[in-house]
């Protein structure tokens, strides 16, 4: 769902540069492929911390990407633990695919200057 009140705190549309950095925040979550387990959390955190003062749009998208990646890490750990009961064998790939698909959707929305709220996300950073 798009929540415009959080996106345009300064009542101006996001700049192209802000849209690009917001998109990178979402795509950085896929760094778990490079640095297993924590890469998906560390990369968006670093980018968000570096660019959050650039524009409110980058700040909002960075927090959203970070919250989503922390939530996905928790879901992945739970699914991995459930592998002991064979349920997790199906859940681990589902969590991985959901992470990739939703991050791409969010990145495309951010590149277009639209806000995106991930489903099933625990809001750790507000």
C-alpha atoms as a PDB file:
ATOM      1  CA  UNK A   1       0.000   0.000   0.000  1.00  0.00           C
ATOM      2  CA  UNK A   2       1.180   3.497  -0.753  1.00  0.00           C
ATOM      3  CA  UNK A   3       1.217   5.849   2.155  1.00  0.00           C
ATOM      4  CA  UNK A   4       1.924   9.261   0.721  1.00  0.00           C
ATOM      5  CA  UNK A   5       1.860  11.057   4.052  1.00  0.00           C
ATOM      6  CA  UNK A   6       5.096   9.350   5.056  1.00  0.00           C
ATOM      7  CA  UNK A   7       6.752   9.799   1.684  1.00  0.00           C
ATOM      8  CA  UNK A   8       6.390  13.488   0.993  1.00  0.00           C
ATOM      9  CA  UNK A   9       7.195  15.031   4.327  1.00  0.00           C
ATOM     10  CA  UNK A  10       8.630  18.031   2.508  1.00  0.00           C
ATOM     11  CA  UNK A  11       5.696  18.240   0.007  1.00  0.00           C
ATOM     12  CA  UNK A  12       8.044  17.905  -2.947  1.00  0.00           C
ATOM     13  CA  UNK A  13       8.358  14.910  -5.210  1.00  0.00           C
ATOM     14  CA  UNK A  14      11.517  12.847  -4.779  1.00  0.00           C
ATOM     15  CA  UNK A  15      14.405  13.769  -7.031  1.00  0.00           C
ATOM     16  CA  UNK A  16      15.855  11.293  -9.495  1.00  0.00           C
ATOM     17  CA  UNK A  17      18.884  10.911  -7.217  1.00  0.00           C
ATOM     18  CA  UNK A  18      16.636  10.196  -4.214  1.00  0.00           C
ATOM     19  CA  UNK A  19      14.699   7.602  -6.224  1.00  0.00           C
ATOM     20  CA  UNK A  20      17.947   5.930  -7.264  1.00  0.00           C
ATOM     21  CA  UNK A  21      19.263   5.693  -3.691  1.00  0.00           C
ATOM     22  CA  UNK A  22      15.906   4.446  -2.435  1.00  0.00           C
ATOM     23  CA  UNK A  23      15.967   1.749  -5.115  1.00  0.00           C
ATOM     24  CA  UNK A  24      19.512   0.780  -4.139  1.00  0.00           C
ATOM     25  CA  UNK A  25      18.421   0.435  -0.503  1.00  0.00           C
ATOM     26  CA  UNK A  26      15.850  -2.166  -1.527  1.00  0.00           C
ATOM     27  CA  UNK A  27      18.169  -4.026  -3.913  1.00  0.00           C
ATOM     28  CA  UNK A  28      20.982  -4.062  -1.346  1.00  0.00           C
ATOM     29  CA  UNK A  29      18.887  -6.506   0.654  1.00  0.00           C
ATOM     30  CA  UNK A  30      19.899  -9.166  -1.836  1.00  0.00           C
ATOM     31  CA  UNK A  31      23.477  -8.955  -0.533  1.00  0.00           C
ATOM     32  CA  UNK A  32      22.744 -12.123   1.459  1.00  0.00           C
ATOM     33  CA  UNK A  33      23.830 -13.883  -1.741  1.00  0.00           C
ATOM     34  CA  UNK A  34      27.278 -12.347  -1.346  1.00  0.00           C
ATOM     35  CA  UNK A  35      27.585 -12.333   2.457  1.00  0.00           C
ATOM     36  CA  UNK A  36      25.366 -15.175   3.690  1.00  0.00           C
ATOM     37  CA  UNK A  37      22.918 -14.656   6.550  1.00  0.00           C
ATOM     38  CA  UNK A  38      23.659 -11.043   7.573  1.00  0.00           C
ATOM     39  CA  UNK A  39      24.466  -9.432   4.207  1.00  0.00           C
ATOM     40  CA  UNK A  40      20.819  -8.699   3.596  1.00  0.00           C
ATOM     41  CA  UNK A  41      20.640  -6.606   6.757  1.00  0.00           C
ATOM     42  CA  UNK A  42      24.078  -4.964   6.713  1.00  0.00           C
ATOM     43  CA  UNK A  43      23.969  -3.607   3.143  1.00  0.00           C
ATOM     44  CA  UNK A  44      20.656  -1.704   3.465  1.00  0.00           C
ATOM     45  CA  UNK A  45      21.735  -0.449   6.904  1.00  0.00           C
ATOM     46  CA  UNK A  46      24.963   1.025   5.526  1.00  0.00           C
ATOM     47  CA  UNK A  47      23.275   2.675   2.549  1.00  0.00           C
ATOM     48  CA  UNK A  48      20.430   4.030   4.668  1.00  0.00           C
ATOM     49  CA  UNK A  49      22.846   5.483   7.237  1.00  0.00           C
ATOM     50  CA  UNK A  50      24.907   7.142   4.506  1.00  0.00           C
ATOM     51  CA  UNK A  51      21.974   8.639   2.585  1.00  0.00           C
ATOM     52  CA  UNK A  52      19.066   9.084   5.024  1.00  0.00           C
ATOM     53  CA  UNK A  53      19.599  12.840   5.322  1.00  0.00           C
ATOM     54  CA  UNK A  54      19.609  13.297   1.544  1.00  0.00           C
ATOM     55  CA  UNK A  55      15.828  13.276   1.156  1.00  0.00           C
ATOM     56  CA  UNK A  56      12.863  12.087   3.250  1.00  0.00           C
ATOM     57  CA  UNK A  57      12.047   9.596   0.474  1.00  0.00           C
ATOM     58  CA  UNK A  58      15.413   7.869   0.899  1.00  0.00           C
ATOM     59  CA  UNK A  59      14.992   7.849   4.674  1.00  0.00           C
ATOM     60  CA  UNK A  60      11.530   6.257   4.483  1.00  0.00           C
ATOM     61  CA  UNK A  61      12.575   3.636   1.912  1.00  0.00           C
ATOM     62  CA  UNK A  62      15.786   2.836   3.765  1.00  0.00           C
ATOM     63  CA  UNK A  63      13.875   2.162   6.984  1.00  0.00           C
ATOM     64  CA  UNK A  64      11.351   0.046   5.103  1.00  0.00           C
ATOM     65  CA  UNK A  65      14.089  -2.001   3.405  1.00  0.00           C
ATOM     66  CA  UNK A  66      15.951  -2.477   6.687  1.00  0.00           C
ATOM     67  CA  UNK A  67      12.818  -3.561   8.571  1.00  0.00           C
ATOM     68  CA  UNK A  68      11.966  -6.008   5.801  1.00  0.00           C
ATOM     69  CA  UNK A  69      15.431  -7.556   5.728  1.00  0.00           C
ATOM     70  CA  UNK A  70      15.526  -7.955   9.518  1.00  0.00           C
ATOM     71  CA  UNK A  71      12.094  -9.607   9.357  1.00  0.00           C
ATOM     72  CA  UNK A  72      13.223 -11.905   6.537  1.00  0.00           C
ATOM     73  CA  UNK A  73      16.310 -12.887   8.532  1.00  0.00           C
ATOM     74  CA  UNK A  74      14.089 -13.872  11.454  1.00  0.00           C
ATOM     75  CA  UNK A  75      11.760 -15.818   9.130  1.00  0.00           C
ATOM     76  CA  UNK A  76      14.742 -17.572   7.546  1.00  0.00           C
ATOM     77  CA  UNK A  77      16.164 -18.611  10.927  1.00  0.00           C
ATOM     78  CA  UNK A  78      12.761 -19.973  11.974  1.00  0.00           C
ATOM     79  CA  UNK A  79      12.418 -21.856   8.668  1.00  0.00           C
ATOM     80  CA  UNK A  80      15.949 -23.251   9.044  1.00  0.00           C
ATOM     81  CA  UNK A  81      15.146 -24.475  12.541  1.00  0.00           C
ATOM     82  CA  UNK A  82      11.974 -26.068  11.204  1.00  0.00           C
ATOM     83  CA  UNK A  83      14.119 -28.106   8.802  1.00  0.00           C
ATOM     84  CA  UNK A  84      14.581 -30.434  11.763  1.00  0.00           C
ATOM     85  CA  UNK A  85      10.902 -31.324  11.413  1.00  0.00           C
ATOM     86  CA  UNK A  86      10.964 -31.352   7.559  1.00  0.00           C
ATOM     87  CA  UNK A  87       8.534 -28.399   7.393  1.00  0.00           C
ATOM     88  CA  UNK A  88      11.409 -25.989   6.902  1.00  0.00           C
ATOM     89  CA  UNK A  89      12.593 -27.797   3.782  1.00  0.00           C
ATOM     90  CA  UNK A  90       9.716 -26.168   1.918  1.00  0.00           C
ATOM     91  CA  UNK A  91       9.775 -22.912   3.894  1.00  0.00           C
ATOM     92  CA  UNK A  92      13.430 -21.971   3.309  1.00  0.00           C
ATOM     93  CA  UNK A  93      13.065 -21.595  -0.487  1.00  0.00           C
ATOM     94  CA  UNK A  94       9.713 -19.833  -0.062  1.00  0.00           C
ATOM     95  CA  UNK A  95      11.298 -17.266   2.283  1.00  0.00           C
ATOM     96  CA  UNK A  96      14.198 -16.794  -0.145  1.00  0.00           C
ATOM     97  CA  UNK A  97      11.905 -16.286  -3.128  1.00  0.00           C
ATOM     98  CA  UNK A  98       9.660 -13.911  -1.213  1.00  0.00           C
ATOM     99  CA  UNK A  99      12.722 -11.865  -0.244  1.00  0.00           C
ATOM    100  CA  UNK A 100      13.889 -11.558  -3.850  1.00  0.00           C
ATOM    101  CA  UNK A 101      10.472 -10.904  -5.414  1.00  0.00           C
ATOM    102  CA  UNK A 102       9.320  -8.339  -2.856  1.00  0.00           C
ATOM    103  CA  UNK A 103      12.680  -6.505  -2.920  1.00  0.00           C
ATOM    104  CA  UNK A 104      12.464  -6.205  -6.706  1.00  0.00           C
ATOM    105  CA  UNK A 105       8.875  -4.922  -6.513  1.00  0.00           C
ATOM    106  CA  UNK A 106       9.918  -2.352  -3.883  1.00  0.00           C
ATOM    107  CA  UNK A 107      12.948  -1.293  -5.951  1.00  0.00           C
ATOM    108  CA  UNK A 108      10.811  -0.716  -9.048  1.00  0.00           C
ATOM    109  CA  UNK A 109       8.290   1.296  -7.009  1.00  0.00           C
ATOM    110  CA  UNK A 110      11.104   3.377  -5.462  1.00  0.00           C
ATOM    111  CA  UNK A 111      12.658   4.018  -8.876  1.00  0.00           C
ATOM    112  CA  UNK A 112       9.276   5.389  -9.981  1.00  0.00           C
ATOM    113  CA  UNK A 113       9.061   7.645  -6.915  1.00  0.00           C
ATOM    114  CA  UNK A 114       6.312   5.599  -5.243  1.00  0.00           C
ATOM    115  CA  UNK A 115       6.279   4.382  -1.652  1.00  0.00           C
ATOM    116  CA  UNK A 116       6.031   0.659  -0.957  1.00  0.00           C
ATOM    117  CA  UNK A 117       5.218  -1.082   2.312  1.00  0.00           C
ATOM    118  CA  UNK A 118       6.382  -4.671   2.485  1.00  0.00           C
ATOM    119  CA  UNK A 119       3.817  -7.202   3.718  1.00  0.00           C
ATOM    120  CA  UNK A 120       4.550  -9.262   6.852  1.00  0.00           C
ATOM    121  CA  UNK A 121       7.199  -6.837   8.019  1.00  0.00           C
ATOM    122  CA  UNK A 122       7.944  -6.198  11.673  1.00  0.00           C
ATOM    123  CA  UNK A 123       8.652  -2.481  12.209  1.00  0.00           C
ATOM    124  CA  UNK A 124      11.878  -2.426  14.217  1.00  0.00           C
ATOM    125  CA  UNK A 125      13.149   0.922  12.925  1.00  0.00           C
ATOM    126  CA  UNK A 126      10.608   3.728  12.844  1.00  0.00           C
END
